[in-house]
Amino acid sequence: MSATQPPWDNELAAKFLGECLPYRSVLKSIYSTLRLEAQKHPHEVRAAAALVILLCRENLWPTQQGTQERDQIVHLAARQTTRLKQLYEQRAKIKPELQSDPTYRRLLTSLDQEARILESRLSDPKPAMPKEPPCTWGEFWP
């Protein structure tokens, strides 16, 4: 094991994750949540997409056919995050005072950053995760 190697980046850890039923249950819950209508469930959808950002690393997705399943969920998360951004942009058009609200502008910026991270995870080869978190994530970043 390398000092710079993440804890999930080895065969035994991959086996553990593949056999971990609660973890698989969480992934099913994430997928189900991402299939909700973004306009009716914006907070739940964004939280599920954030978990996808955190979990969409090589060897961390616990299935034998993991790459295809992961890419499908990452694509759905990217699409839903883009929908959320559009939803909040529409709200700002309806209520122009939101455009001058710094907190609201940070939310829009963060949604854009989150969507770009997800979209980049679909490219081949996969880029490294960005060093900085989306702007509303504070100090929390893997």
C-alpha atoms as a PDB file:
ATOM      1  CA  MET A   1       0.000   0.000   0.000  1.00  0.00           C
ATOM      2  CA  SER A   2       1.321   3.393  -1.004  1.00  0.00           C
ATOM      3  CA  ALA A   3       1.217   6.369   1.349  1.00  0.00           C
ATOM      4  CA  THR A   4      -0.554   8.339  -1.395  1.00  0.00           C
ATOM      5  CA  GLN A   5      -2.954   5.545  -2.328  1.00  0.00           C
ATOM      6  CA  PRO A   6      -6.590   6.079  -1.260  1.00  0.00           C
ATOM      7  CA  PRO A   7      -7.961   3.397   1.093  1.00  0.00           C
ATOM      8  CA  TRP A   8     -10.379   2.020  -1.528  1.00  0.00           C
ATOM      9  CA  ASP A   9      -7.726   1.579  -4.218  1.00  0.00           C
ATOM     10  CA  ASN A  10      -6.850  -2.094  -3.749  1.00  0.00           C
ATOM     11  CA  GLU A  11      -8.348  -5.497  -4.457  1.00  0.00           C
ATOM     12  CA  LEU A  12      -9.407  -6.311  -0.872  1.00  0.00           C
ATOM     13  CA  ALA A  13     -11.146  -2.978  -0.418  1.00  0.00           C
ATOM     14  CA  ALA A  14     -12.946  -3.396  -3.764  1.00  0.00           C
ATOM     15  CA  LYS A  15     -14.107  -6.852  -2.655  1.00  0.00           C
ATOM     16  CA  PHE A  16     -15.360  -5.448   0.649  1.00  0.00           C
ATOM     17  CA  LEU A  17     -17.303  -2.676  -1.101  1.00  0.00           C
ATOM     18  CA  GLY A  18     -18.750  -5.126  -3.610  1.00  0.00           C
ATOM     19  CA  GLU A  19     -20.073  -7.299  -0.805  1.00  0.00           C
ATOM     20  CA  CYS A  20     -21.258  -4.455   1.423  1.00  0.00           C
ATOM     21  CA  LEU A  21     -25.054  -4.617   1.181  1.00  0.00           C
ATOM     22  CA  PRO A  22     -25.740  -1.322   3.005  1.00  0.00           C
ATOM     23  CA  TYR A  23     -23.428   0.471   0.578  1.00  0.00           C
ATOM     24  CA  ARG A  24     -25.239  -1.050  -2.393  1.00  0.00           C
ATOM     25  CA  SER A  25     -28.519   0.026  -0.809  1.00  0.00           C
ATOM     26  CA  VAL A  26     -27.236   3.603  -0.585  1.00  0.00           C
ATOM     27  CA  LEU A  27     -26.338   3.536  -4.278  1.00  0.00           C
ATOM     28  CA  LYS A  28     -29.851   2.344  -5.137  1.00  0.00           C
ATOM     29  CA  SER A  29     -31.282   5.149  -3.012  1.00  0.00           C
ATOM     30  CA  ILE A  30     -29.066   7.695  -4.777  1.00  0.00           C
ATOM     31  CA  TYR A  31     -30.251   6.435  -8.165  1.00  0.00           C
ATOM     32  CA  SER A  32     -33.910   6.538  -7.095  1.00  0.00           C
ATOM     33  CA  THR A  33     -33.523  10.055  -5.758  1.00  0.00           C
ATOM     34  CA  LEU A  34     -31.838  11.259  -8.937  1.00  0.00           C
ATOM     35  CA  ARG A  35     -34.871  10.033 -10.874  1.00  0.00           C
ATOM     36  CA  LEU A  36     -37.183  12.365  -8.932  1.00  0.00           C
ATOM     37  CA  GLU A  37     -38.463  15.521 -10.567  1.00  0.00           C
ATOM     38  CA  ALA A  38     -35.806  18.156  -9.832  1.00  0.00           C
ATOM     39  CA  GLN A  39     -38.344  20.978  -9.611  1.00  0.00           C
ATOM     40  CA  LYS A  40     -40.319  19.211  -6.875  1.00  0.00           C
ATOM     41  CA  HIS A  41     -37.329  17.780  -4.971  1.00  0.00           C
ATOM     42  CA  PRO A  42     -34.397  20.169  -5.551  1.00  0.00           C
ATOM     43  CA  HIS A  43     -32.680  19.616  -2.206  1.00  0.00           C
ATOM     44  CA  GLU A  44     -32.880  15.822  -2.310  1.00  0.00           C
ATOM     45  CA  VAL A  45     -31.688  15.680  -5.921  1.00  0.00           C
ATOM     46  CA  ARG A  46     -28.760  17.999  -5.187  1.00  0.00           C
ATOM     47  CA  ALA A  47     -27.760  15.939  -2.133  1.00  0.00           C
ATOM     48  CA  ALA A  48     -27.848  12.731  -4.203  1.00  0.00           C
ATOM     49  CA  ALA A  49     -25.759  14.367  -6.944  1.00  0.00           C
ATOM     50  CA  ALA A  50     -23.248  15.503  -4.320  1.00  0.00           C
ATOM     51  CA  LEU A  51     -22.889  11.910  -3.136  1.00  0.00           C
ATOM     52  CA  VAL A  52     -22.260  10.864  -6.726  1.00  0.00           C
ATOM     53  CA  ILE A  53     -19.469  13.449  -6.915  1.00  0.00           C
ATOM     54  CA  LEU A  54     -17.928  11.940  -3.795  1.00  0.00           C
ATOM     55  CA  LEU A  55     -18.362   8.291  -4.806  1.00  0.00           C
ATOM     56  CA  CYS A  56     -17.681   8.258  -8.553  1.00  0.00           C
ATOM     57  CA  ARG A  57     -14.051   7.276  -8.258  1.00  0.00           C
ATOM     58  CA  GLU A  58     -12.412   4.211  -9.747  1.00  0.00           C
ATOM     59  CA  ASN A  59     -12.567   1.225  -7.370  1.00  0.00           C
ATOM     60  CA  LEU A  60     -15.032   2.963  -5.068  1.00  0.00           C
ATOM     61  CA  TRP A  61     -18.162   1.950  -6.987  1.00  0.00           C
ATOM     62  CA  PRO A  62     -18.922  -1.540  -5.666  1.00  0.00           C
ATOM     63  CA  THR A  63     -20.205  -3.643  -8.562  1.00  0.00           C
ATOM     64  CA  GLN A  64     -18.702  -6.039 -11.062  1.00  0.00           C
ATOM     65  CA  GLN A  65     -20.250  -4.099 -13.938  1.00  0.00           C
ATOM     66  CA  GLY A  66     -19.426  -0.895 -12.062  1.00  0.00           C
ATOM     67  CA  THR A  67     -18.177   1.321 -14.875  1.00  0.00           C
ATOM     68  CA  GLN A  68     -21.353   1.190 -16.944  1.00  0.00           C
ATOM     69  CA  GLU A  69     -23.620   1.538 -13.907  1.00  0.00           C
ATOM     70  CA  ARG A  70     -21.507   4.353 -12.497  1.00  0.00           C
ATOM     71  CA  ASP A  71     -21.460   6.249 -15.789  1.00  0.00           C
ATOM     72  CA  GLN A  72     -25.237   5.956 -16.073  1.00  0.00           C
ATOM     73  CA  ILE A  73     -25.719   7.423 -12.598  1.00  0.00           C
ATOM     74  CA  VAL A  74     -23.058  10.114 -13.149  1.00  0.00           C
ATOM     75  CA  HIS A  75     -24.792  11.119 -16.388  1.00  0.00           C
ATOM     76  CA  LEU A  76     -28.150  11.323 -14.586  1.00  0.00           C
ATOM     77  CA  ALA A  77     -26.601  13.351 -11.752  1.00  0.00           C
ATOM     78  CA  ALA A  78     -25.001  15.773 -14.237  1.00  0.00           C
ATOM     79  CA  ARG A  79     -28.292  16.193 -16.088  1.00  0.00           C
ATOM     80  CA  GLN A  80     -30.246  16.771 -12.880  1.00  0.00           C
ATOM     81  CA  THR A  81     -27.662  19.244 -11.543  1.00  0.00           C
ATOM     82  CA  THR A  82     -27.927  21.179 -14.805  1.00  0.00           C
ATOM     83  CA  ARG A  83     -31.719  21.172 -14.411  1.00  0.00           C
ATOM     84  CA  LEU A  84     -31.363  22.514 -10.885  1.00  0.00           C
ATOM     85  CA  LYS A  85     -29.106  25.293 -12.115  1.00  0.00           C
ATOM     86  CA  GLN A  86     -31.661  26.188 -14.800  1.00  0.00           C
ATOM     87  CA  LEU A  87     -34.441  26.126 -12.216  1.00  0.00           C
ATOM     88  CA  TYR A  88     -32.590  28.541  -9.926  1.00  0.00           C
ATOM     89  CA  GLU A  89     -31.657  30.769 -12.888  1.00  0.00           C
ATOM     90  CA  GLN A  90     -35.349  30.955 -13.833  1.00  0.00           C
ATOM     91  CA  ARG A  91     -36.225  31.929 -10.264  1.00  0.00           C
ATOM     92  CA  ALA A  92     -33.662  34.729 -10.480  1.00  0.00           C
ATOM     93  CA  LYS A  93     -35.293  35.991 -13.685  1.00  0.00           C
ATOM     94  CA  ILE A  94     -38.704  36.007 -12.018  1.00  0.00           C
ATOM     95  CA  LYS A  95     -37.346  37.675  -8.870  1.00  0.00           C
ATOM     96  CA  PRO A  96     -34.568  40.058 -10.044  1.00  0.00           C
ATOM     97  CA  GLU A  97     -33.586  40.843  -6.436  1.00  0.00           C
ATOM     98  CA  LEU A  98     -32.113  37.330  -6.247  1.00  0.00           C
ATOM     99  CA  GLN A  99     -29.532  38.290  -8.881  1.00  0.00           C
ATOM    100  CA  SER A 100     -27.951  40.730  -6.437  1.00  0.00           C
ATOM    101  CA  ASP A 101     -28.053  38.304  -3.495  1.00  0.00           C
ATOM    102  CA  PRO A 102     -24.465  37.032  -2.972  1.00  0.00           C
ATOM    103  CA  THR A 103     -25.688  33.784  -1.381  1.00  0.00           C
ATOM    104  CA  TYR A 104     -27.910  33.047  -4.367  1.00  0.00           C
ATOM    105  CA  ARG A 105     -25.114  33.840  -6.803  1.00  0.00           C
ATOM    106  CA  ARG A 106     -22.822  31.446  -4.898  1.00  0.00           C
ATOM    107  CA  LEU A 107     -25.492  28.748  -5.162  1.00  0.00           C
ATOM    108  CA  LEU A 108     -25.618  29.215  -8.952  1.00  0.00           C
ATOM    109  CA  THR A 109     -21.822  29.137  -9.156  1.00  0.00           C
ATOM    110  CA  SER A 110     -21.667  25.999  -7.035  1.00  0.00           C
ATOM    111  CA  LEU A 111     -24.314  24.235  -9.136  1.00  0.00           C
ATOM    112  CA  ASP A 112     -22.293  25.100 -12.236  1.00  0.00           C
ATOM    113  CA  GLN A 113     -19.115  23.726 -10.613  1.00  0.00           C
ATOM    114  CA  GLU A 114     -20.918  20.563  -9.490  1.00  0.00           C
ATOM    115  CA  ALA A 115     -22.314  19.955 -13.000  1.00  0.00           C
ATOM    116  CA  ARG A 116     -18.861  20.463 -14.552  1.00  0.00           C
ATOM    117  CA  ILE A 117     -17.277  17.998 -12.108  1.00  0.00           C
ATOM    118  CA  LEU A 118     -19.911  15.400 -12.955  1.00  0.00           C
ATOM    119  CA  GLU A 119     -19.585  15.969 -16.703  1.00  0.00           C
ATOM    120  CA  SER A 120     -15.809  15.670 -16.465  1.00  0.00           C
ATOM    121  CA  ARG A 121     -16.229  12.263 -14.778  1.00  0.00           C
ATOM    122  CA  LEU A 122     -17.857  11.035 -18.008  1.00  0.00           C
ATOM    123  CA  SER A 123     -14.846  11.924 -20.146  1.00  0.00           C
ATOM    124  CA  ASP A 124     -12.170   9.429 -21.034  1.00  0.00           C
ATOM    125  CA  PRO A 125      -9.625   9.416 -19.542  1.00  0.00           C
ATOM    126  CA  LYS A 126     -11.094  10.585 -16.260  1.00  0.00           C
ATOM    127  CA  PRO A 127      -9.423  13.747 -14.987  1.00  0.00           C
ATOM    128  CA  ALA A 128      -8.252  14.020 -11.413  1.00  0.00           C
ATOM    129  CA  MET A 129     -10.778  15.438  -8.984  1.00  0.00           C
ATOM    130  CA  PRO A 130     -10.393  19.211  -8.694  1.00  0.00           C
ATOM    131  CA  LYS A 131      -8.292  20.406  -5.787  1.00  0.00           C
ATOM    132  CA  GLU A 132     -10.897  22.961  -4.721  1.00  0.00           C
ATOM    133  CA  PRO A 133     -14.464  22.152  -3.660  1.00  0.00           C
ATOM    134  CA  PRO A 134     -17.560  23.683  -5.218  1.00  0.00           C
ATOM    135  CA  CYS A 135     -17.862  27.100  -3.599  1.00  0.00           C
ATOM    136  CA  THR A 136     -20.760  26.219  -1.260  1.00  0.00           C
ATOM    137  CA  TRP A 137     -19.120  23.058   0.053  1.00  0.00           C
ATOM    138  CA  GLY A 138     -16.888  24.932   2.488  1.00  0.00           C
ATOM    139  CA  GLU A 139     -13.834  23.097   3.762  1.00  0.00           C
ATOM    140  CA  PHE A 140     -15.275  19.664   3.047  1.00  0.00           C
ATOM    141  CA  TRP A 141     -13.591  18.060   0.076  1.00  0.00           C
ATOM    142  CA  PRO A 142     -12.210  14.599  -0.513  1.00  0.00           C
END
